[in-house]
Protein backbone atom coordinates (compact mmCIF):
# COMPACT_ATOMS: atom_id res chain seq x y z
CA UNK A 1 -0.11 5.40 -48.47
CA UNK A 2 2.30 4.66 -45.62
CA UNK A 3 5.98 3.80 -46.08
CA UNK A 4 8.08 2.01 -43.46
CA UNK A 5 11.89 2.01 -43.71
CA UNK A 6 13.47 -1.15 -42.32
CA UNK A 7 17.08 0.00 -41.84
CA UNK A 8 18.62 -3.30 -40.64
CA UNK A 9 21.60 -2.57 -42.91
CA UNK A 10 21.46 1.21 -42.72
CA UNK A 11 20.22 3.65 -45.32
CA UNK A 12 21.71 5.73 -48.14
CA UNK A 13 20.41 7.80 -51.02
CA UNK A 14 20.94 5.11 -53.68
CA UNK A 15 19.47 2.39 -51.41
CA UNK A 16 16.34 4.56 -50.98
CA UNK A 17 15.95 5.05 -54.73
CA UNK A 18 16.47 1.34 -55.37
CA UNK A 19 13.94 0.35 -52.70
CA UNK A 20 11.31 2.74 -54.11
CA UNK A 21 11.77 1.39 -57.66
CA UNK A 22 11.64 -2.15 -56.27
CA UNK A 23 8.41 -1.43 -54.41
CA UNK A 24 6.66 -0.12 -57.50
CA UNK A 25 8.00 3.29 -58.56
CA UNK A 26 8.11 3.60 -62.32
CA UNK A 27 11.68 4.28 -63.55
CA UNK A 28 10.16 6.32 -66.37
CA UNK A 29 8.21 8.46 -63.90
CA UNK A 30 11.37 8.94 -61.80
CA UNK A 31 13.44 10.05 -64.78
CA UNK A 32 10.66 12.31 -66.03
CA UNK A 33 10.21 13.89 -62.61
CA UNK A 34 13.93 14.60 -62.25
CA UNK A 35 13.79 16.73 -65.41
CA UNK A 36 12.20 19.43 -63.26
CA UNK A 37 15.60 19.74 -61.52
CA UNK A 38 17.96 22.03 -63.48
CA UNK A 39 20.90 19.65 -63.23
CA UNK A 40 22.63 17.86 -66.11
CA UNK A 41 25.67 15.66 -66.63
CA UNK A 42 24.32 12.45 -65.18
CA UNK A 43 22.13 9.45 -66.01
CA UNK A 44 20.36 6.80 -63.94
CA UNK A 45 21.42 3.22 -64.23
CA UNK A 46 18.86 0.76 -62.82
CA UNK A 47 19.71 -2.94 -62.47
CA UNK A 48 18.74 -6.06 -60.57
CA UNK A 49 21.43 -7.42 -58.23
CA UNK A 50 21.96 -9.79 -55.31
CA UNK A 51 23.16 -8.68 -51.92
CA UNK A 52 23.78 -11.79 -49.89
CA UNK A 53 20.71 -13.96 -50.34
CA UNK A 54 18.44 -11.01 -51.20
CA UNK A 55 17.40 -10.02 -54.74
CA UNK A 56 17.30 -6.22 -54.90
CA UNK A 57 17.20 -3.19 -57.17
CA UNK A 58 20.33 -1.03 -57.59
CA UNK A 59 20.09 2.59 -58.78
CA UNK A 60 23.34 4.32 -59.69
CA UNK A 61 23.76 7.98 -60.52
CA UNK A 62 26.37 7.81 -63.32
CA UNK A 63 28.18 11.15 -63.73
CA UNK A 64 29.02 11.80 -67.40
CA UNK A 65 30.81 15.14 -67.03
CA UNK A 66 32.27 16.85 -64.01
CA UNK A 67 33.33 20.43 -63.55
CA UNK A 68 35.96 20.96 -60.85
CA UNK A 69 33.94 23.23 -58.63
CA UNK A 70 31.93 23.13 -55.42
CA UNK A 71 28.29 23.99 -54.86
CA UNK A 72 27.41 25.76 -51.66
CA UNK A 73 24.22 25.15 -49.71
CA UNK A 74 23.14 28.68 -50.71
CA UNK A 75 23.51 27.75 -54.41
CA UNK A 76 21.67 24.46 -53.96
CA UNK A 77 18.85 26.24 -52.10
CA UNK A 78 18.53 28.69 -54.99
CA UNK A 79 18.56 25.81 -57.51
CA UNK A 80 15.81 23.96 -55.64
CA UNK A 81 13.73 27.07 -55.08
CA UNK A 82 13.69 27.92 -58.80
CA UNK A 83 13.08 24.35 -59.98
CA UNK A 84 9.81 23.05 -61.43
CA UNK A 85 9.44 20.38 -58.74
CA UNK A 86 5.99 19.79 -57.14
CA UNK A 87 5.59 22.23 -54.21
CA UNK A 88 5.58 19.49 -51.55
CA UNK A 89 8.71 17.83 -53.02
CA UNK A 90 10.47 21.20 -53.22
CA UNK A 91 9.61 21.97 -49.58
CA UNK A 92 10.85 18.55 -48.40
CA UNK A 93 14.04 18.77 -50.48
CA UNK A 94 14.89 22.15 -48.96
CA UNK A 95 14.28 20.69 -45.47
CA UNK A 96 16.51 17.65 -46.14
CA UNK A 97 19.37 19.75 -47.56
CA UNK A 98 19.08 22.26 -44.72
CA UNK A 99 19.38 19.40 -42.20
CA UNK A 100 22.37 18.01 -44.11
CA UNK A 101 24.09 21.40 -44.39
CA UNK A 102 23.44 22.18 -40.68
CA UNK A 103 24.96 18.89 -39.59
CA UNK A 104 27.97 19.20 -41.89
CA UNK A 105 28.53 22.78 -40.81
CA UNK A 106 28.38 21.94 -37.12
CA UNK A 107 30.93 19.12 -37.32
CA UNK A 108 33.28 21.32 -39.39
CA UNK A 109 32.83 24.44 -37.27
CA UNK A 110 31.11 26.65 -39.82
CA UNK A 111 27.64 28.00 -40.57
CA UNK A 112 25.28 26.11 -42.91
CA UNK A 113 25.54 28.87 -45.55
CA UNK A 114 29.27 28.18 -45.87
CA UNK A 115 28.90 24.42 -46.38
CA UNK A 116 29.70 23.30 -49.91
CA UNK A 117 29.61 20.03 -51.83
CA UNK A 118 32.04 19.05 -54.57
CA UNK A 119 30.42 18.65 -58.03
CA UNK A 120 30.09 14.86 -58.00
CA UNK A 121 28.82 14.85 -54.43
CA UNK A 122 26.39 17.68 -55.17
CA UNK A 123 24.90 15.88 -58.20
CA UNK A 124 24.71 12.59 -56.31
CA UNK A 125 23.06 14.20 -53.31
CA UNK A 126 20.63 16.23 -55.41
CA UNK A 127 19.50 13.26 -57.49
CA UNK A 128 19.34 10.89 -54.50
CA UNK A 129 17.42 13.29 -52.28
CA UNK A 130 15.10 14.78 -54.91
CA UNK A 131 14.63 11.38 -56.56
CA UNK A 132 13.70 9.76 -53.26
CA UNK A 133 11.20 12.51 -52.47
CA UNK A 134 9.76 12.39 -56.01
CA UNK A 135 9.43 8.63 -55.67
CA UNK A 136 7.41 8.93 -52.47
CA UNK A 137 5.27 11.64 -54.14
CA UNK A 138 4.61 9.41 -57.17
CA UNK A 139 3.66 6.47 -54.92
CA UNK A 140 1.24 8.65 -52.97
CA UNK A 141 3.04 8.26 -49.65
CA UNK A 142 1.65 10.56 -46.94
CA UNK A 143 3.08 9.08 -43.75
CA UNK A 144 6.36 7.44 -42.82
CA UNK A 145 7.87 5.30 -40.09
CA UNK A 146 11.25 3.66 -39.57
CA UNK A 147 13.04 1.03 -37.54
CA UNK A 148 16.12 1.73 -35.48
CA UNK A 149 19.04 2.50 -37.80
CA UNK A 150 22.10 0.26 -38.19
CA UNK A 151 24.95 2.72 -38.72
CA UNK A 152 27.80 0.20 -39.17
CA UNK A 153 31.19 0.17 -37.48
CA UNK A 154 34.89 0.71 -38.02
CA UNK A 155 36.39 3.69 -39.85
CA UNK A 156 36.12 5.39 -43.24
CA UNK A 157 38.55 7.42 -45.32
CA UNK A 158 37.11 10.90 -45.84
CA UNK A 159 38.41 14.08 -47.45
CA UNK A 160 39.40 15.21 -43.95
CA UNK A 161 41.22 11.94 -43.12
CA UNK A 162 40.20 8.80 -41.28
CA UNK A 163 36.83 9.14 -39.55
CA UNK A 164 34.96 6.84 -37.19
CA UNK A 165 31.70 5.13 -38.23
CA UNK A 166 29.13 6.56 -38.01
CA UNK A 167 30.64 9.65 -39.63
CA UNK A 168 30.36 12.91 -37.65
CA UNK A 169 27.52 14.26 -39.81
CA UNK A 170 25.51 11.06 -39.43
CA UNK A 171 26.15 11.07 -35.67
CA UNK A 172 24.94 14.70 -35.46
CA UNK A 173 21.72 13.95 -37.35
CA UNK A 174 21.15 10.81 -35.24
CA UNK A 175 20.44 12.88 -32.12
CA UNK A 176 17.12 11.69 -30.76
CA UNK A 177 17.01 8.65 -33.08
CA UNK A 178 17.61 5.02 -32.04
CA UNK A 179 20.77 3.69 -33.68
CA UNK A 180 22.92 0.61 -33.24
CA UNK A 181 25.90 -1.20 -34.77
CA UNK A 182 25.77 -4.73 -36.18
CA UNK A 183 27.34 -6.68 -39.03
CA UNK A 184 30.43 -5.84 -41.11
CA UNK A 185 32.89 -3.14 -40.05
CA UNK A 186 31.92 -0.56 -42.66
CA UNK A 187 29.75 2.52 -43.12
CA UNK A 188 26.13 1.39 -43.54
CA UNK A 189 24.37 4.75 -43.13
CA UNK A 190 25.44 7.78 -45.16
CA UNK A 191 24.72 11.47 -44.44
CA UNK A 192 22.33 11.64 -47.40
CA UNK A 193 20.37 8.62 -46.18
CA UNK A 194 20.24 9.90 -42.61
CA UNK A 195 19.09 13.34 -43.75
CA UNK A 196 16.26 11.82 -45.76
CA UNK A 197 15.20 9.50 -42.97
CA UNK A 198 15.25 12.05 -40.14
CA UNK A 199 13.29 14.58 -42.20
CA UNK A 200 10.58 12.21 -43.38
CA UNK A 201 9.90 9.81 -40.56
CA UNK A 202 7.35 10.59 -37.86
CA UNK A 203 7.35 7.25 -36.05
CA UNK A 204 10.72 5.74 -35.08
CA UNK A 205 9.97 2.30 -33.74
CA UNK A 206 9.63 -1.31 -34.73
CA UNK A 207 7.36 -2.09 -37.68
CA UNK A 208 3.91 -0.66 -36.90
CA UNK A 209 0.69 -2.63 -37.40
CA UNK A 210 0.23 -2.38 -41.19
CA UNK A 211 -1.18 -4.40 -44.05
CA UNK A 212 1.59 -4.12 -46.69
CA UNK A 213 0.66 -3.88 -50.37
CA UNK A 214 4.23 -4.48 -51.48
CA UNK A 215 7.78 -4.88 -50.18
CA UNK A 216 10.88 -3.51 -51.87
CA UNK A 217 14.67 -3.94 -51.48
CA UNK A 218 17.21 -1.28 -52.47
CA UNK A 219 20.82 -2.41 -52.80
CA UNK A 220 23.79 -0.57 -51.37
CA UNK A 221 27.00 -0.17 -53.38
CA UNK A 222 29.07 -2.41 -51.09
CA UNK A 223 28.52 -6.14 -51.23
CA UNK A 224 30.14 -7.59 -48.07
CA UNK A 225 30.23 -11.39 -47.80
CA UNK A 226 27.43 -13.10 -45.90
CA UNK A 227 25.57 -9.83 -45.31
CA UNK A 228 22.47 -8.55 -47.18
CA UNK A 229 23.42 -4.88 -47.63
CA UNK A 230 19.94 -3.65 -48.58
CA UNK A 231 17.28 -1.24 -47.39
CA UNK A 232 13.86 -2.84 -47.08
CA UNK A 233 10.64 -0.80 -47.37
CA UNK A 234 7.04 -1.75 -46.76
CA UNK A 235 4.36 0.14 -48.67
CA UNK A 236 0.89 -0.01 -47.06
CA UNK A 237 -2.51 1.49 -47.55
CA UNK A 238 -2.88 4.15 -44.85
CA UNK A 239 -6.57 3.24 -44.46
CA UNK A 240 -5.52 -0.23 -43.33
CA UNK A 241 -2.76 0.97 -41.01
CA UNK A 242 -4.36 0.46 -37.62
CA UNK A 243 -3.22 -0.06 -34.07
CA UNK A 244 -3.55 -3.73 -33.07
CA UNK A 245 -5.45 -2.44 -30.00
CA UNK A 246 -8.05 -0.70 -32.21
CA UNK A 247 -10.60 -3.04 -33.81
CA UNK A 248 -11.03 -2.38 -37.51
CA UNK A 249 -14.79 -2.77 -37.07
CA UNK A 250 -14.99 0.38 -34.95
CA UNK A 251 -16.12 2.95 -37.50
CA UNK A 252 -18.46 5.93 -37.20
CA UNK A 253 -21.18 3.96 -39.00
CA UNK A 254 -20.98 1.19 -36.40
CA UNK A 255 -21.75 3.57 -33.50
CA UNK A 256 -25.31 4.53 -32.46
CA UNK A 257 -26.26 7.56 -34.52
CA UNK A 258 -22.77 7.43 -35.95
CA UNK A 259 -23.53 8.72 -39.41
CA UNK A 260 -22.63 12.23 -38.25
CA UNK A 261 -19.38 11.27 -36.58
CA UNK A 262 -15.92 11.80 -38.05
CA UNK A 263 -13.05 9.30 -38.13
CA UNK A 264 -9.33 9.76 -38.59
CA UNK A 265 -6.02 8.30 -37.44
CA UNK A 266 -3.59 9.83 -35.03
CA UNK A 267 -0.33 8.81 -33.40
CA UNK A 268 -0.29 8.07 -29.69
CA UNK A 269 3.06 8.84 -28.02
CA UNK A 270 3.61 7.73 -24.44
CA UNK A 271 6.47 7.65 -21.96
CA UNK A 272 6.96 7.09 -18.21
CA UNK A 273 8.99 9.63 -16.20
CA UNK A 274 10.00 9.43 -12.54
CA UNK A 275 13.24 11.45 -12.30
CA UNK A 276 12.39 14.93 -13.56
CA UNK A 277 11.73 18.22 -11.80
CA UNK A 278 7.89 18.64 -11.83
CA UNK A 279 8.35 22.39 -12.28
CA UNK A 280 9.28 21.63 -15.91
CA UNK A 281 6.02 19.84 -16.74
CA UNK A 282 4.16 23.04 -17.63
CA UNK A 283 6.91 24.16 -20.04
CA UNK A 284 7.06 20.73 -21.69
CA UNK A 285 3.27 20.66 -22.18
CA UNK A 286 3.40 24.14 -23.71
CA UNK A 287 6.19 23.14 -26.11
CA UNK A 288 4.36 20.02 -27.18
CA UNK A 289 1.26 22.03 -28.09
CA UNK A 290 3.44 24.59 -29.94
CA UNK A 291 4.91 21.76 -32.06
CA UNK A 292 1.62 20.22 -33.18
CA UNK A 293 0.27 18.10 -30.31
CA UNK A 294 -3.50 17.66 -30.44
CA UNK A 295 -3.72 16.72 -26.78
CA UNK A 296 -1.30 16.22 -23.87
CA UNK A 297 -2.03 14.65 -20.51
CA UNK A 298 0.00 13.55 -17.49
CA UNK A 299 -1.27 10.67 -15.36
CA UNK A 300 0.20 10.09 -11.88
CA UNK A 301 1.53 6.56 -11.42
CA UNK A 302 3.76 4.43 -9.19
CA UNK A 303 6.83 3.11 -10.99
CA UNK A 304 9.60 0.67 -10.11
CA UNK A 305 11.03 0.77 -6.61
CA UNK A 306 7.72 2.41 -5.58
CA UNK A 307 8.78 5.78 -6.97
CA UNK A 308 6.00 8.24 -7.88
CA UNK A 309 6.05 9.28 -11.52
CA UNK A 310 3.87 10.30 -14.43
CA UNK A 311 2.73 8.76 -17.70
CA UNK A 312 3.09 11.50 -20.30
CA UNK A 313 0.68 10.91 -23.20
CA UNK A 314 0.60 12.89 -26.45
CA UNK A 315 -1.86 12.69 -29.35
CA UNK A 316 -0.73 14.06 -32.71
CA UNK A 317 -1.27 13.91 -36.43
CA UNK A 318 1.23 11.47 -38.02
CA UNK A 319 3.20 14.25 -39.74
CA UNK A 320 4.04 15.80 -36.35
CA UNK A 321 4.99 12.64 -34.51
CA UNK A 322 8.68 12.71 -35.44
CA UNK A 323 9.13 16.28 -34.22
CA UNK A 324 7.27 15.58 -30.99
CA UNK A 325 9.27 12.42 -30.35
CA UNK A 326 12.55 14.33 -30.70
CA UNK A 327 11.16 17.03 -28.43
CA UNK A 328 10.35 14.41 -25.74
CA UNK A 329 13.88 13.08 -25.93
CA UNK A 330 15.38 16.57 -25.80
CA UNK A 331 13.14 18.18 -23.17
CA UNK A 332 12.52 15.31 -20.73
CA UNK A 333 14.63 12.69 -18.96
CA UNK A 334 12.96 9.82 -20.79
CA UNK A 335 15.07 7.09 -22.45
CA UNK A 336 12.27 5.72 -24.63
CA UNK A 337 8.98 6.71 -26.23
CA UNK A 338 6.23 4.25 -27.10
CA UNK A 339 4.19 5.00 -30.21
CA UNK A 340 1.27 3.54 -32.09
CA UNK A 341 -1.05 4.63 -34.87
CA UNK A 342 -4.62 4.53 -33.61
CA UNK A 343 -8.09 5.25 -34.97
CA UNK A 344 -10.31 7.76 -33.25
CA UNK A 345 -13.90 8.86 -33.72
CA UNK A 346 -14.74 12.52 -33.07
CA UNK A 347 -17.78 14.75 -33.06
CA UNK A 348 -18.06 17.40 -35.78
CA UNK A 349 -17.31 20.86 -34.46
CA UNK A 350 -16.90 24.45 -35.56
CA UNK A 351 -15.81 27.76 -34.03
CA UNK A 352 -17.73 31.03 -33.72
CA UNK A 353 -17.00 34.31 -31.96
CA UNK A 354 -19.29 36.01 -29.50
CA UNK A 355 -18.76 39.72 -28.93
CA UNK A 356 -19.45 40.94 -25.41
CA UNK A 357 -19.05 44.57 -24.33
CA UNK A 358 -16.01 43.38 -22.34
CA UNK A 359 -14.35 41.58 -25.27
CA UNK A 360 -14.53 38.66 -27.71
CA UNK A 361 -14.91 35.01 -26.72
CA UNK A 362 -14.41 32.07 -29.09
CA UNK A 363 -17.05 29.36 -28.72
CA UNK A 364 -16.70 25.76 -29.86
CA UNK A 365 -19.91 24.36 -31.34
CA UNK A 366 -20.29 20.58 -31.16
CA UNK A 367 -22.98 18.50 -32.86
CA UNK A 368 -24.20 15.27 -31.21
CA UNK A 369 -26.79 13.84 -33.54
CA UNK A 370 -29.47 16.53 -33.74
CA UNK A 371 -28.35 18.20 -30.52
CA UNK A 372 -25.94 21.16 -30.49
CA UNK A 373 -23.63 22.01 -27.58
CA UNK A 374 -21.64 25.21 -27.05
CA UNK A 375 -18.41 25.50 -25.08
CA UNK A 376 -16.82 28.92 -24.54
CA UNK A 377 -13.06 28.96 -24.70
CA UNK A 378 -11.93 29.15 -21.07
CA UNK A 379 -8.76 31.15 -21.81
CA UNK A 380 -10.78 33.89 -23.53
CA UNK A 381 -13.17 34.08 -20.57
CA UNK A 382 -10.22 34.12 -18.15
CA UNK A 383 -8.57 37.01 -20.03
CA UNK A 384 -11.76 39.11 -19.85
CA UNK A 385 -12.28 38.26 -16.18
CA UNK A 386 -8.74 39.27 -15.33
CA UNK A 387 -9.09 42.51 -17.25
CA UNK A 388 -12.49 43.51 -15.79
CA UNK A 389 -12.39 41.90 -12.36
CA UNK A 390 -15.65 40.04 -13.10
CA UNK A 391 -16.04 36.36 -11.99
CA UNK A 392 -15.22 33.87 -14.74
CA UNK A 393 -18.56 32.10 -14.31
CA UNK A 394 -20.39 35.39 -14.95
CA UNK A 395 -18.44 35.80 -18.23
CA UNK A 396 -19.36 32.23 -19.24
CA UNK A 397 -23.05 32.85 -18.37
CA UNK A 398 -23.09 36.03 -20.48
CA UNK A 399 -21.60 34.18 -23.45
CA UNK A 400 -24.20 31.39 -23.19
CA UNK A 401 -26.98 33.98 -22.94
CA UNK A 402 -25.63 35.76 -26.04
CA UNK A 403 -25.72 32.45 -27.92
CA UNK A 404 -29.33 31.83 -26.89
CA UNK A 405 -30.27 35.36 -27.96
CA UNK A 406 -28.56 34.85 -31.31
CA UNK A 407 -30.33 31.54 -31.89
CA UNK A 408 -33.75 33.06 -31.08
CA UNK A 409 -33.04 35.93 -33.48
């Protein structure tokens, strides 16, 4: 399943829980799942409310007993690590809290290990974050996307005094994410909500081309006049989440001899650049591959005012798209990244190793119908050629001969 966060009125932990329940998460499953978290002294209150003209679900974490103490990020990490949560939920929860602690520590001038949360805040954050991740797990969500985030405006009263909106921690986590301010002068996006969003989402853009199964609305605590303070989510079948440029009829079975082909979906990231030092292109490409890119290419183009530039295109699995988008914003001069989820058809392939007297070479084996093709890895051949002084083509020829000898044997 695919989940899209429509953050037209921001996002918070309780709004996320409410939206997930509203879109179909069982309250019983949520409460049962949270029992794996060794935290007590709270209960969930779930109710139907109105925010402006929108009917939504409100989830409140009601604290029944509070000890006057603070929980450090180190303590919370230990608590999560020893919990009985599903492995994926545990991994995500640790990532969300680490992002939250890093942001809080940076704005307060201390290391993440020294960041602490007061008891109420710690319980709220734990239940909101773990509950939201459990909800996605229960709904079978595998991929995420989000709209630009409305952070609100004005000021808020914090424990450290009056702070601007967005709060410093939210502003820190918003680096590389599109944000804006609209509506009432109040905080619309909380640190917990921003930590969840920036950890989960791979595609930060307008609503992608999806076929929603259901739509949910999670209510925020504040109810400003004439403003629907809710988080909207769209839950869609991933199999029906296609790029509008990719016809749904294009499947492996529809291609000549296509019964042996493989189909999947990947994210296409693209941006135009005309004001960057070309010496940096090699480093950027290397970093993209290190962070999960399946393919990277740069196409020369002529941009506005007849300036030469490049179109930088990246293919990636959906779970890596968010990291790669942030990398593009951080490592290049781009001001925007286009993204779309597309279908692709690939040939089945496997890897084998050929041992030559000069060294080992990996060989990619590709099947096209009944035919089999072999492609030696160029970098392996290059390494051997550099070490021995032999021509690269001779190395490639020896590998191909070794494959033919193996097949005859």
